[in-house]
C-alpha atoms as a PDB file:
ATOM      1  CA  UNK A   1     -39.771   5.706 -11.233  1.00  0.00           C
ATOM      2  CA  UNK A   2     -40.598   3.181  -8.478  1.00  0.00           C
ATOM      3  CA  UNK A   3     -42.604   5.617  -6.316  1.00  0.00           C
ATOM      4  CA  UNK A   4     -45.849   7.681  -6.832  1.00  0.00           C
ATOM      5  CA  UNK A   5     -45.360  11.320  -5.866  1.00  0.00           C
ATOM      6  CA  UNK A   6     -48.046  12.793  -3.719  1.00  0.00           C
ATOM      7  CA  UNK A   7     -49.204  16.361  -4.227  1.00  0.00           C
ATOM      8  CA  UNK A   8     -46.963  17.489  -1.328  1.00  0.00           C
ATOM      9  CA  UNK A   9     -43.944  15.809  -2.855  1.00  0.00           C
ATOM     10  CA  UNK A  10     -44.672  17.238  -6.239  1.00  0.00           C
ATOM     11  CA  UNK A  11     -44.877  20.706  -4.707  1.00  0.00           C
ATOM     12  CA  UNK A  12     -41.436  20.173  -3.307  1.00  0.00           C
ATOM     13  CA  UNK A  13     -40.092  19.075  -6.736  1.00  0.00           C
ATOM     14  CA  UNK A  14     -41.439  22.355  -8.220  1.00  0.00           C
ATOM     15  CA  UNK A  15     -39.872  24.347  -5.468  1.00  0.00           C
ATOM     16  CA  UNK A  16     -36.361  22.961  -6.036  1.00  0.00           C
ATOM     17  CA  UNK A  17     -33.621  25.507  -6.595  1.00  0.00           C
ATOM     18  CA  UNK A  18     -30.428  24.997  -8.625  1.00  0.00           C
ATOM     19  CA  UNK A  19     -27.310  25.866  -6.765  1.00  0.00           C
ATOM     20  CA  UNK A  20     -23.645  26.721  -7.766  1.00  0.00           C
ATOM     21  CA  UNK A  21     -20.946  26.677  -5.221  1.00  0.00           C
ATOM     22  CA  UNK A  22     -17.536  28.108  -6.073  1.00  0.00           C
ATOM     23  CA  UNK A  23     -14.656  26.034  -4.661  1.00  0.00           C
ATOM     24  CA  UNK A  24     -10.811  25.956  -5.497  1.00  0.00           C
ATOM     25  CA  UNK A  25     -11.441  22.617  -7.208  1.00  0.00           C
ATOM     26  CA  UNK A  26     -14.338  23.758  -9.394  1.00  0.00           C
ATOM     27  CA  UNK A  27     -17.781  25.002  -9.194  1.00  0.00           C
ATOM     28  CA  UNK A  28     -20.180  22.385  -7.607  1.00  0.00           C
ATOM     29  CA  UNK A  29     -23.677  22.077  -8.970  1.00  0.00           C
ATOM     30  CA  UNK A  30     -26.492  20.831  -6.952  1.00  0.00           C
ATOM     31  CA  UNK A  31     -30.255  21.096  -6.031  1.00  0.00           C
ATOM     32  CA  UNK A  32     -31.679  22.492  -2.838  1.00  0.00           C
ATOM     33  CA  UNK A  33     -35.108  21.220  -1.874  1.00  0.00           C
ATOM     34  CA  UNK A  34     -36.688  23.632   0.595  1.00  0.00           C
ATOM     35  CA  UNK A  35     -38.837  22.347   3.468  1.00  0.00           C
ATOM     36  CA  UNK A  36     -42.603  22.613   2.884  1.00  0.00           C
ATOM     37  CA  UNK A  37     -43.955  25.865   4.353  1.00  0.00           C
ATOM     38  CA  UNK A  38     -47.034  24.019   5.566  1.00  0.00           C
ATOM     39  CA  UNK A  39     -45.097  21.325   7.440  1.00  0.00           C
ATOM     40  CA  UNK A  40     -43.677  21.889  10.924  1.00  0.00           C
ATOM     41  CA  UNK A  41     -39.959  22.748  10.369  1.00  0.00           C
ATOM     42  CA  UNK A  42     -37.576  20.041  11.306  1.00  0.00           C
ATOM     43  CA  UNK A  43     -34.811  22.553  11.814  1.00  0.00           C
ATOM     44  CA  UNK A  44     -32.312  20.425   9.808  1.00  0.00           C
ATOM     45  CA  UNK A  45     -31.048  20.073   6.366  1.00  0.00           C
ATOM     46  CA  UNK A  46     -30.215  16.653   5.002  1.00  0.00           C
ATOM     47  CA  UNK A  47     -27.223  16.425   2.734  1.00  0.00           C
ATOM     48  CA  UNK A  48     -27.337  13.409   0.423  1.00  0.00           C
ATOM     49  CA  UNK A  49     -23.827  12.492  -0.761  1.00  0.00           C
ATOM     50  CA  UNK A  50     -23.482  10.524  -4.004  1.00  0.00           C
ATOM     51  CA  UNK A  51     -22.575  10.677  -7.665  1.00  0.00           C
ATOM     52  CA  UNK A  52     -24.368  11.418  -9.732  1.00  0.00           C
ATOM     53  CA  UNK A  53     -26.568  13.396  -7.404  1.00  0.00           C
ATOM     54  CA  UNK A  54     -29.731  11.338  -8.299  1.00  0.00           C
ATOM     55  CA  UNK A  55     -28.150   8.154  -6.793  1.00  0.00           C
ATOM     56  CA  UNK A  56     -29.286   4.682  -7.757  1.00  0.00           C
ATOM     57  CA  UNK A  57     -32.763   4.600  -9.394  1.00  0.00           C
ATOM     58  CA  UNK A  58     -33.206   8.305  -8.389  1.00  0.00           C
ATOM     59  CA  UNK A  59     -33.242   7.287  -4.712  1.00  0.00           C
ATOM     60  CA  UNK A  60     -31.962  10.675  -3.399  1.00  0.00           C
ATOM     61  CA  UNK A  61     -34.434  12.494  -5.623  1.00  0.00           C
ATOM     62  CA  UNK A  62     -37.243  10.750  -3.831  1.00  0.00           C
ATOM     63  CA  UNK A  63     -35.524  11.100  -0.464  1.00  0.00           C
ATOM     64  CA  UNK A  64     -35.002  14.811  -0.834  1.00  0.00           C
ATOM     65  CA  UNK A  65     -38.591  15.518  -1.845  1.00  0.00           C
ATOM     66  CA  UNK A  66     -40.190  13.224   0.780  1.00  0.00           C
ATOM     67  CA  UNK A  67     -38.006  14.706   3.534  1.00  0.00           C
ATOM     68  CA  UNK A  68     -38.827  18.304   2.332  1.00  0.00           C
ATOM     69  CA  UNK A  69     -42.544  17.445   2.477  1.00  0.00           C
ATOM     70  CA  UNK A  70     -41.962  16.470   6.057  1.00  0.00           C
ATOM     71  CA  UNK A  71     -40.235  19.722   7.001  1.00  0.00           C
ATOM     72  CA  UNK A  72     -36.567  19.043   6.333  1.00  0.00           C
ATOM     73  CA  UNK A  73     -34.360  20.968   3.915  1.00  0.00           C
ATOM     74  CA  UNK A  74     -32.444  18.698   1.540  1.00  0.00           C
ATOM     75  CA  UNK A  75     -29.531  19.033  -0.746  1.00  0.00           C
ATOM     76  CA  UNK A  76     -27.987  16.814  -3.366  1.00  0.00           C
ATOM     77  CA  UNK A  77     -25.049  17.702  -5.537  1.00  0.00           C
ATOM     78  CA  UNK A  78     -22.323  16.500  -7.912  1.00  0.00           C
ATOM     79  CA  UNK A  79     -18.713  16.364  -6.597  1.00  0.00           C
ATOM     80  CA  UNK A  80     -16.048  18.325  -8.487  1.00  0.00           C
ATOM     81  CA  UNK A  81     -15.149  16.479 -11.677  1.00  0.00           C
ATOM     82  CA  UNK A  82     -18.443  14.540 -11.808  1.00  0.00           C
ATOM     83  CA  UNK A  83     -21.924  15.185 -13.308  1.00  0.00           C
ATOM     84  CA  UNK A  84     -22.490  18.836 -13.922  1.00  0.00           C
ATOM     85  CA  UNK A  85     -19.770  20.166 -11.593  1.00  0.00           C
ATOM     86  CA  UNK A  86     -16.490  21.548 -12.817  1.00  0.00           C
ATOM     87  CA  UNK A  87     -13.000  20.445 -11.911  1.00  0.00           C
ATOM     88  CA  UNK A  88     -10.609  17.567 -12.331  1.00  0.00           C
ATOM     89  CA  UNK A  89     -12.014  14.073 -12.309  1.00  0.00           C
ATOM     90  CA  UNK A  90     -10.219  10.906 -11.195  1.00  0.00           C
ATOM     91  CA  UNK A  91     -10.456   7.650  -9.310  1.00  0.00           C
ATOM     92  CA  UNK A  92     -12.574   8.016  -6.170  1.00  0.00           C
ATOM     93  CA  UNK A  93     -10.488   6.502  -3.402  1.00  0.00           C
ATOM     94  CA  UNK A  94     -12.583   6.167  -0.151  1.00  0.00           C
ATOM     95  CA  UNK A  95      -9.380   6.773   1.847  1.00  0.00           C
ATOM     96  CA  UNK A  96      -9.070  10.168   0.191  1.00  0.00           C
ATOM     97  CA  UNK A  97     -12.610  11.541   0.646  1.00  0.00           C
ATOM     98  CA  UNK A  98     -13.677  14.836  -0.978  1.00  0.00           C
ATOM     99  CA  UNK A  99     -13.654  16.714   2.368  1.00  0.00           C
ATOM    100  CA  UNK A 100     -13.273  20.053   0.743  1.00  0.00           C
ATOM    101  CA  UNK A 101     -16.492  19.611  -1.227  1.00  0.00           C
ATOM    102  CA  UNK A 102     -18.418  18.469   1.793  1.00  0.00           C
ATOM    103  CA  UNK A 103     -17.311  21.450   3.829  1.00  0.00           C
ATOM    104  CA  UNK A 104     -17.957  23.945   0.986  1.00  0.00           C
ATOM    105  CA  UNK A 105     -21.567  22.582   0.689  1.00  0.00           C
ATOM    106  CA  UNK A 106     -22.363  22.922   4.379  1.00  0.00           C
ATOM    107  CA  UNK A 107     -20.993  26.413   4.546  1.00  0.00           C
ATOM    108  CA  UNK A 108     -22.878  27.476   1.433  1.00  0.00           C
ATOM    109  CA  UNK A 109     -26.170  26.052   2.781  1.00  0.00           C
ATOM    110  CA  UNK A 110     -25.636  28.054   5.928  1.00  0.00           C
ATOM    111  CA  UNK A 111     -24.884  31.297   4.052  1.00  0.00           C
ATOM    112  CA  UNK A 112     -27.425  31.053   1.250  1.00  0.00           C
ATOM    113  CA  UNK A 113     -30.356  29.330   2.908  1.00  0.00           C
ATOM    114  CA  UNK A 114     -29.904  29.880   6.655  1.00  0.00           C
ATOM    115  CA  UNK A 115     -29.451  26.193   7.405  1.00  0.00           C
ATOM    116  CA  UNK A 116     -27.674  25.689  10.782  1.00  0.00           C
ATOM    117  CA  UNK A 117     -28.154  21.991  11.581  1.00  0.00           C
ATOM    118  CA  UNK A 118     -27.290  19.033   9.326  1.00  0.00           C
ATOM    119  CA  UNK A 119     -27.777  15.328   8.879  1.00  0.00           C
ATOM    120  CA  UNK A 120     -25.332  13.717   6.407  1.00  0.00           C
ATOM    121  CA  UNK A 121     -26.046  10.545   4.412  1.00  0.00           C
ATOM    122  CA  UNK A 122     -23.819   8.510   2.202  1.00  0.00           C
ATOM    123  CA  UNK A 123     -22.800   5.019   1.067  1.00  0.00           C
ATOM    124  CA  UNK A 124     -19.273   3.794   0.244  1.00  0.00           C
ATOM    125  CA  UNK A 125     -17.007   6.675  -0.910  1.00  0.00           C
ATOM    126  CA  UNK A 126     -19.936   8.997  -0.121  1.00  0.00           C
ATOM    127  CA  UNK A 127     -20.092   7.854   3.499  1.00  0.00           C
ATOM    128  CA  UNK A 128     -16.424   8.423   3.889  1.00  0.00           C
ATOM    129  CA  UNK A 129     -16.802  11.973   2.470  1.00  0.00           C
ATOM    130  CA  UNK A 130     -19.737  12.728   4.902  1.00  0.00           C
ATOM    131  CA  UNK A 131     -17.588  11.452   7.811  1.00  0.00           C
ATOM    132  CA  UNK A 132     -14.722  13.658   6.815  1.00  0.00           C
ATOM    133  CA  UNK A 133     -16.846  16.767   7.267  1.00  0.00           C
ATOM    134  CA  UNK A 134     -16.652  16.245  11.108  1.00  0.00           C
ATOM    135  CA  UNK A 135     -13.102  17.508  10.998  1.00  0.00           C
ATOM    136  CA  UNK A 136     -14.352  21.071  10.181  1.00  0.00           C
ATOM    137  CA  UNK A 137     -18.159  21.147  10.867  1.00  0.00           C
ATOM    138  CA  UNK A 138     -18.796  18.805  13.829  1.00  0.00           C
ATOM    139  CA  UNK A 139     -20.614  21.389  15.866  1.00  0.00           C
ATOM    140  CA  UNK A 140     -23.241  21.775  13.084  1.00  0.00           C
ATOM    141  CA  UNK A 141     -23.860  18.111  12.422  1.00  0.00           C
ATOM    142  CA  UNK A 142     -26.565  16.279  14.398  1.00  0.00           C
ATOM    143  CA  UNK A 143     -26.494  12.941  12.518  1.00  0.00           C
ATOM    144  CA  UNK A 144     -24.510  10.697  10.169  1.00  0.00           C
ATOM    145  CA  UNK A 145     -25.998   7.747   8.223  1.00  0.00           C
ATOM    146  CA  UNK A 146     -23.003   5.735   7.140  1.00  0.00           C
ATOM    147  CA  UNK A 147     -23.617   2.803   4.691  1.00  0.00           C
ATOM    148  CA  UNK A 148     -21.405  -0.010   3.422  1.00  0.00           C
ATOM    149  CA  UNK A 149     -18.051   1.891   3.212  1.00  0.00           C
ATOM    150  CA  UNK A 150     -14.535   0.208   3.121  1.00  0.00           C
ATOM    151  CA  UNK A 151     -12.442   1.307   6.036  1.00  0.00           C
ATOM    152  CA  UNK A 152      -9.032  -0.052   5.038  1.00  0.00           C
ATOM    153  CA  UNK A 153      -6.179   0.959   2.723  1.00  0.00           C
ATOM    154  CA  UNK A 154      -5.536  -1.347  -0.209  1.00  0.00           C
ATOM    155  CA  UNK A 155      -1.967  -1.758   1.074  1.00  0.00           C
ATOM    156  CA  UNK A 156      -3.017  -1.916   4.699  1.00  0.00           C
ATOM    157  CA  UNK A 157      -0.597  -4.782   5.451  1.00  0.00           C
ATOM    158  CA  UNK A 158       2.382  -2.655   4.373  1.00  0.00           C
ATOM    159  CA  UNK A 159       1.138   0.197   6.556  1.00  0.00           C
ATOM    160  CA  UNK A 160       0.521  -2.039   9.532  1.00  0.00           C
ATOM    161  CA  UNK A 161       4.140  -3.234   9.244  1.00  0.00           C
ATOM    162  CA  UNK A 162       5.308   0.353   8.859  1.00  0.00           C
ATOM    163  CA  UNK A 163       3.544   1.390  12.079  1.00  0.00           C
ATOM    164  CA  UNK A 164       5.826  -0.944  14.039  1.00  0.00           C
ATOM    165  CA  UNK A 165       8.961   0.947  12.968  1.00  0.00           C
ATOM    166  CA  UNK A 166      10.663   3.730  14.728  1.00  0.00           C
ATOM    167  CA  UNK A 167      13.795   5.928  14.120  1.00  0.00           C
ATOM    168  CA  UNK A 168      16.102   3.383  15.716  1.00  0.00           C
ATOM    169  CA  UNK A 169      14.835   0.740  13.367  1.00  0.00           C
ATOM    170  CA  UNK A 170      15.349   3.079  10.374  1.00  0.00           C
ATOM    171  CA  UNK A 171      18.892   3.929  11.220  1.00  0.00           C
ATOM    172  CA  UNK A 172      19.751   0.280  11.779  1.00  0.00           C
ATOM    173  CA  UNK A 173      18.302  -0.503   8.338  1.00  0.00           C
ATOM    174  CA  UNK A 174      20.497   2.133   6.643  1.00  0.00           C
ATOM    175  CA  UNK A 175      23.495   0.141   7.748  1.00  0.00           C
ATOM    176  CA  UNK A 176      22.341  -2.962   5.896  1.00  0.00           C
ATOM    177  CA  UNK A 177      23.846  -3.121   2.306  1.00  0.00           C
ATOM    178  CA  UNK A 178      20.984  -5.418   1.254  1.00  0.00           C
ATOM    179  CA  UNK A 179      18.429  -2.693   1.921  1.00  0.00           C
ATOM    180  CA  UNK A 180      20.287  -0.225  -0.371  1.00  0.00           C
ATOM    181  CA  UNK A 181      20.438  -2.667  -3.256  1.00  0.00           C
ATOM    182  CA  UNK A 182      16.750  -3.440  -2.860  1.00  0.00           C
ATOM    183  CA  UNK A 183      15.895   0.165  -3.508  1.00  0.00           C
ATOM    184  CA  UNK A 184      16.321  -0.495  -7.252  1.00  0.00           C
ATOM    185  CA  UNK A 185      12.771  -1.940  -6.896  1.00  0.00           C
ATOM    186  CA  UNK A 186       9.983   0.756  -7.202  1.00  0.00           C
ATOM    187  CA  UNK A 187       7.757  -1.094  -4.751  1.00  0.00           C
ATOM    188  CA  UNK A 188      10.556  -1.086  -2.175  1.00  0.00           C
ATOM    189  CA  UNK A 189      10.913   2.710  -2.638  1.00  0.00           C
ATOM    190  CA  UNK A 190       7.198   3.127  -1.955  1.00  0.00           C
ATOM    191  CA  UNK A 191       7.466   0.975   1.135  1.00  0.00           C
ATOM    192  CA  UNK A 192      10.379   2.990   2.456  1.00  0.00           C
ATOM    193  CA  UNK A 193       8.618   6.282   1.855  1.00  0.00           C
ATOM    194  CA  UNK A 194       5.546   4.871   3.726  1.00  0.00           C
ATOM    195  CA  UNK A 195       7.781   3.888   6.691  1.00  0.00           C
ATOM    196  CA  UNK A 196       9.631   7.291   6.890  1.00  0.00           C
ATOM    197  CA  UNK A 197       6.550   9.414   6.481  1.00  0.00           C
ATOM    198  CA  UNK A 198       4.613   7.578   9.192  1.00  0.00           C
ATOM    199  CA  UNK A 199       7.484   7.510  11.634  1.00  0.00           C
ATOM    200  CA  UNK A 200       8.130  11.198  11.061  1.00  0.00           C
ATOM    201  CA  UNK A 201       4.451  12.084  11.497  1.00  0.00           C
ATOM    202  CA  UNK A 202       4.269  10.197  14.762  1.00  0.00           C
ATOM    203  CA  UNK A 203       7.285  12.069  15.995  1.00  0.00           C
ATOM    204  CA  UNK A 204       5.750  15.568  15.475  1.00  0.00           C
ATOM    205  CA  UNK A 205       4.817  17.517  18.589  1.00  0.00           C
ATOM    206  CA  UNK A 206       1.066  17.276  19.159  1.00  0.00           C
ATOM    207  CA  UNK A 207       0.725  14.373  16.793  1.00  0.00           C
ATOM    208  CA  UNK A 208      -2.534  12.459  17.191  1.00  0.00           C
ATOM    209  CA  UNK A 209      -2.423   9.071  18.933  1.00  0.00           C
ATOM    210  CA  UNK A 210      -0.900   6.384  16.738  1.00  0.00           C
ATOM    211  CA  UNK A 211      -3.327   4.287  14.660  1.00  0.00           C
ATOM    212  CA  UNK A 212      -2.538   0.758  15.964  1.00  0.00           C
ATOM    213  CA  UNK A 213      -5.283  -0.848  13.873  1.00  0.00           C
ATOM    214  CA  UNK A 214      -5.265  -2.210  10.258  1.00  0.00           C
ATOM    215  CA  UNK A 215      -7.842   0.555   9.461  1.00  0.00           C
ATOM    216  CA  UNK A 216      -6.917   3.458   7.239  1.00  0.00           C
ATOM    217  CA  UNK A 217      -5.499   6.493   8.953  1.00  0.00           C
ATOM    218  CA  UNK A 218      -8.095   8.740   7.359  1.00  0.00           C
ATOM    219  CA  UNK A 219     -10.939   6.727   8.667  1.00  0.00           C
ATOM    220  CA  UNK A 220      -9.593   6.594  12.189  1.00  0.00           C
ATOM    221  CA  UNK A 221      -8.853  10.339  12.250  1.00  0.00           C
ATOM    222  CA  UNK A 222     -12.281  11.208  10.901  1.00  0.00           C
ATOM    223  CA  UNK A 223     -14.022   8.642  13.187  1.00  0.00           C
ATOM    224  CA  UNK A 224     -12.321  10.238  16.180  1.00  0.00           C
ATOM    225  CA  UNK A 225     -13.728  13.555  15.096  1.00  0.00           C
ATOM    226  CA  UNK A 226     -17.254  12.009  15.015  1.00  0.00           C
ATOM    227  CA  UNK A 227     -16.721  10.534  18.537  1.00  0.00           C
ATOM    228  CA  UNK A 228     -15.741  13.979  19.860  1.00  0.00           C
ATOM    229  CA  UNK A 229     -19.020  15.490  18.436  1.00  0.00           C
ATOM    230  CA  UNK A 230     -22.448  15.228  19.826  1.00  0.00           C
ATOM    231  CA  UNK A 231     -23.846  13.674  16.681  1.00  0.00           C
ATOM    232  CA  UNK A 232     -25.791  10.424  16.455  1.00  0.00           C
ATOM    233  CA  UNK A 233     -24.764   7.887  13.796  1.00  0.00           C
ATOM    234  CA  UNK A 234     -26.330   4.852  12.128  1.00  0.00           C
ATOM    235  CA  UNK A 235     -23.799   2.391  10.525  1.00  0.00           C
ATOM    236  CA  UNK A 236     -25.603   0.098   8.031  1.00  0.00           C
ATOM    237  CA  UNK A 237     -23.894  -2.819   6.298  1.00  0.00           C
ATOM    238  CA  UNK A 238     -24.982  -6.090   4.607  1.00  0.00           C
ATOM    239  CA  UNK A 239     -23.331  -9.292   5.817  1.00  0.00           C
ATOM    240  CA  UNK A 240     -22.491 -10.210   2.139  1.00  0.00           C
ATOM    241  CA  UNK A 241     -21.023  -6.752   1.382  1.00  0.00           C
ATOM    242  CA  UNK A 242     -17.281  -7.056   0.652  1.00  0.00           C
ATOM    243  CA  UNK A 243     -16.847  -3.853   2.787  1.00  0.00           C
ATOM    244  CA  UNK A 244     -18.211  -5.591   5.837  1.00  0.00           C
ATOM    245  CA  UNK A 245     -14.850  -7.344   6.322  1.00  0.00           C
ATOM    246  CA  UNK A 246     -13.244  -4.040   7.157  1.00  0.00           C
ATOM    247  CA  UNK A 247     -16.238  -3.016   9.247  1.00  0.00           C
ATOM    248  CA  UNK A 248     -15.821  -6.162  11.333  1.00  0.00           C
ATOM    249  CA  UNK A 249     -12.302  -4.961  12.123  1.00  0.00           C
ATOM    250  CA  UNK A 250     -13.593  -1.592  13.115  1.00  0.00           C
ATOM    251  CA  UNK A 251     -16.110  -3.215  15.474  1.00  0.00           C
ATOM    252  CA  UNK A 252     -13.267  -5.110  17.184  1.00  0.00           C
ATOM    253  CA  UNK A 253     -11.058  -2.048  17.482  1.00  0.00           C
ATOM    254  CA  UNK A 254     -12.392   1.575  17.418  1.00  0.00           C
ATOM    255  CA  UNK A 255     -15.953   0.657  18.270  1.00  0.00           C
ATOM    256  CA  UNK A 256     -14.970  -1.598  21.085  1.00  0.00           C
ATOM    257  CA  UNK A 257     -12.935   1.282  22.489  1.00  0.00           C
ATOM    258  CA  UNK A 258     -15.684   3.778  22.394  1.00  0.00           C
ATOM    259  CA  UNK A 259     -16.299   5.621  25.812  1.00  0.00           C
ATOM    260  CA  UNK A 260     -19.382   4.345  27.596  1.00  0.00           C
ATOM    261  CA  UNK A 261     -21.016   7.829  27.291  1.00  0.00           C
ATOM    262  CA  UNK A 262     -20.634   7.744  23.504  1.00  0.00           C
ATOM    263  CA  UNK A 263     -21.963   4.299  22.768  1.00  0.00           C
ATOM    264  CA  UNK A 264     -25.765   5.135  22.938  1.00  0.00           C
ATOM    265  CA  UNK A 265     -25.264   7.692  20.177  1.00  0.00           C
ATOM    266  CA  UNK A 266     -24.046   5.022  17.724  1.00  0.00           C
ATOM    267  CA  UNK A 267     -26.336   2.443  16.146  1.00  0.00           C
ATOM    268  CA  UNK A 268     -25.067  -0.508  14.052  1.00  0.00           C
ATOM    269  CA  UNK A 269     -27.169  -2.730  11.804  1.00  0.00           C
ATOM    270  CA  UNK A 270     -25.715  -5.536   9.749  1.00  0.00           C
ATOM    271  CA  UNK A 271     -28.462  -6.929   7.543  1.00  0.00           C
ATOM    272  CA  UNK A 272     -28.580 -10.436   5.893  1.00  0.00           C
ATOM    273  CA  UNK A 273     -27.492 -10.272   2.280  1.00  0.00           C
ATOM    274  CA  UNK A 274     -26.056  -7.127   0.675  1.00  0.00           C
ATOM    275  CA  UNK A 275     -26.794  -3.498   1.101  1.00  0.00           C
ATOM    276  CA  UNK A 276     -24.223  -2.164  -1.414  1.00  0.00           C
ATOM    277  CA  UNK A 277     -25.499  -3.919  -4.480  1.00  0.00           C
ATOM    278  CA  UNK A 278     -26.538  -2.039  -7.552  1.00  0.00           C
ATOM    279  CA  UNK A 279     -29.028  -4.511  -9.015  1.00  0.00           C
ATOM    280  CA  UNK A 280     -31.320  -5.529  -6.126  1.00  0.00           C
ATOM    281  CA  UNK A 281     -34.160  -2.861  -6.306  1.00  0.00           C
ATOM    282  CA  UNK A 282     -36.177  -4.377  -3.446  1.00  0.00           C
ATOM    283  CA  UNK A 283     -33.176  -4.125  -1.091  1.00  0.00           C
ATOM    284  CA  UNK A 284     -32.560  -0.576  -2.344  1.00  0.00           C
ATOM    285  CA  UNK A 285     -36.089   0.345  -1.449  1.00  0.00           C
ATOM    286  CA  UNK A 286     -35.728  -1.332   1.971  1.00  0.00           C
ATOM    287  CA  UNK A 287     -32.566   0.706   2.671  1.00  0.00           C
ATOM    288  CA  UNK A 288     -34.217   3.845   1.475  1.00  0.00           C
ATOM    289  CA  UNK A 289     -37.109   3.374   3.815  1.00  0.00           C
ATOM    290  CA  UNK A 290     -34.770   2.652   6.710  1.00  0.00           C
ATOM    291  CA  UNK A 291     -32.711   5.851   5.926  1.00  0.00           C
ATOM    292  CA  UNK A 292     -35.893   7.939   5.821  1.00  0.00           C
ATOM    293  CA  UNK A 293     -37.192   6.563   9.050  1.00  0.00           C
ATOM    294  CA  UNK A 294     -33.893   7.137  10.835  1.00  0.00           C
ATOM    295  CA  UNK A 295     -33.586  10.698   9.490  1.00  0.00           C
ATOM    296  CA  UNK A 296     -37.137  11.483  10.426  1.00  0.00           C
ATOM    297  CA  UNK A 297     -36.399  10.542  14.071  1.00  0.00           C
ATOM    298  CA  UNK A 298     -34.634  13.930  14.184  1.00  0.00           C
ATOM    299  CA  UNK A 299     -37.844  15.801  13.613  1.00  0.00           C
ATOM    300  CA  UNK A 300     -39.262  17.557  16.764  1.00  0.00           C
ATOM    301  CA  UNK A 301     -42.552  15.663  16.282  1.00  0.00           C
ATOM    302  CA  UNK A 302     -40.824  12.234  15.919  1.00  0.00           C
ATOM    303  CA  UNK A 303     -41.847  10.913  19.366  1.00  0.00           C
ATOM    304  CA  UNK A 304     -45.481  11.497  18.591  1.00  0.00           C
ATOM    305  CA  UNK A 305     -45.440   9.719  15.186  1.00  0.00           C
ATOM    306  CA  UNK A 306     -46.578   6.171  14.719  1.00  0.00           C
ATOM    307  CA  UNK A 307     -44.031   3.480  14.108  1.00  0.00           C
ATOM    308  CA  UNK A 308     -43.613   1.860  10.582  1.00  0.00           C
ATOM    309  CA  UNK A 309     -41.993  -1.435   9.890  1.00  0.00           C
ATOM    310  CA  UNK A 310     -40.403  -1.568  13.320  1.00  0.00           C
ATOM    311  CA  UNK A 311     -38.710   1.806  12.859  1.00  0.00           C
ATOM    312  CA  UNK A 312     -39.875   5.385  13.809  1.00  0.00           C
ATOM    313  CA  UNK A 313     -42.003   6.700  10.956  1.00  0.00           C
END
C-alpha cells in the first residue's frame, strides 16, 4: 500500500458498507464509503468507475476513503460480469459503454443512501461509461473527470465513408452488378450493413444531428448530453498515450464547436508522458492527487482551503 492511512481515513474504512444492486444484466456488487459525520458535508457522492473496483494499486480504495474523510460520499463497484458482480462477461469496448450499470448505480445511491448530487470519475472504458450516464442522469451530475479514453471506432474510416452516403447513392449502387458479386465477401456485407443502418438512422424524424467527425457516434451523442448539462468536466490525457490521437481529433471538432457559454465549464490537461500506463507508479500517484484536488474543488469550503501543488487542495 503506497499511502499511510490517518485515523480519519481508517474510520472511513471501518464504516464502509457492502452494496448489492439488482439489474437486468446481473447483480452489481460495490462498496459505499459514507462521509465522515464530523466533516462538513460536501453534498456530493463520488462514483469511481473501474474494474476491478480497487483500480490500479488500490487507487480508488484510497480515493474513496480520503474523500469520505473530507465530507464526500464515495462508491466503487464491479461492472456486471466482472469482479464479484453477476452477469455475462465479455470484451469491454469503449464505444459500447456500460451505461445501464452506471444509471443503476446512481439511482440506487439516491434511493438507498439519499445521495442527490454526483461527481463521476473514470479512465479509458470507465470514462466512456461515466460519460454515458449523462444520457439519463445529467440533472444529478455536477462533475465528470474523464481520463485517457479512446474516442473513435476501430473501423472509423469505414464509418466516415458511410456517413457520406445517402439513399440516392444506395439505389444507384444496387444497379451495379459488381456490387452484387462483391457481397460474397463477409467484410463487404458488414460495410453495406453499416451504410444502410446509418443512412436509415439519419432519415428518421427527430434524428440527432449527423456526426460529421471521425469520432465514434456513441462518444459524440454522450458528449452532447454533457454539453447540455450544467456539469463541469476535466479531461486529462498524457501526450504519449495512444488514446490522445483521438482526443486531438475531438479538440479540433467537438471541442472547437463548443458554445462560448459552455467552454468555461470544461478543463483540458495534456501532460508530458503517459497518464494511461499501468507500470509507472509515480505518475499514478500524480494523477490520483490531481483527481482528488479537482474533486475537492466541489466542496462548499473549497474556496477557503489552501492550494497544494498548484491545484486547489
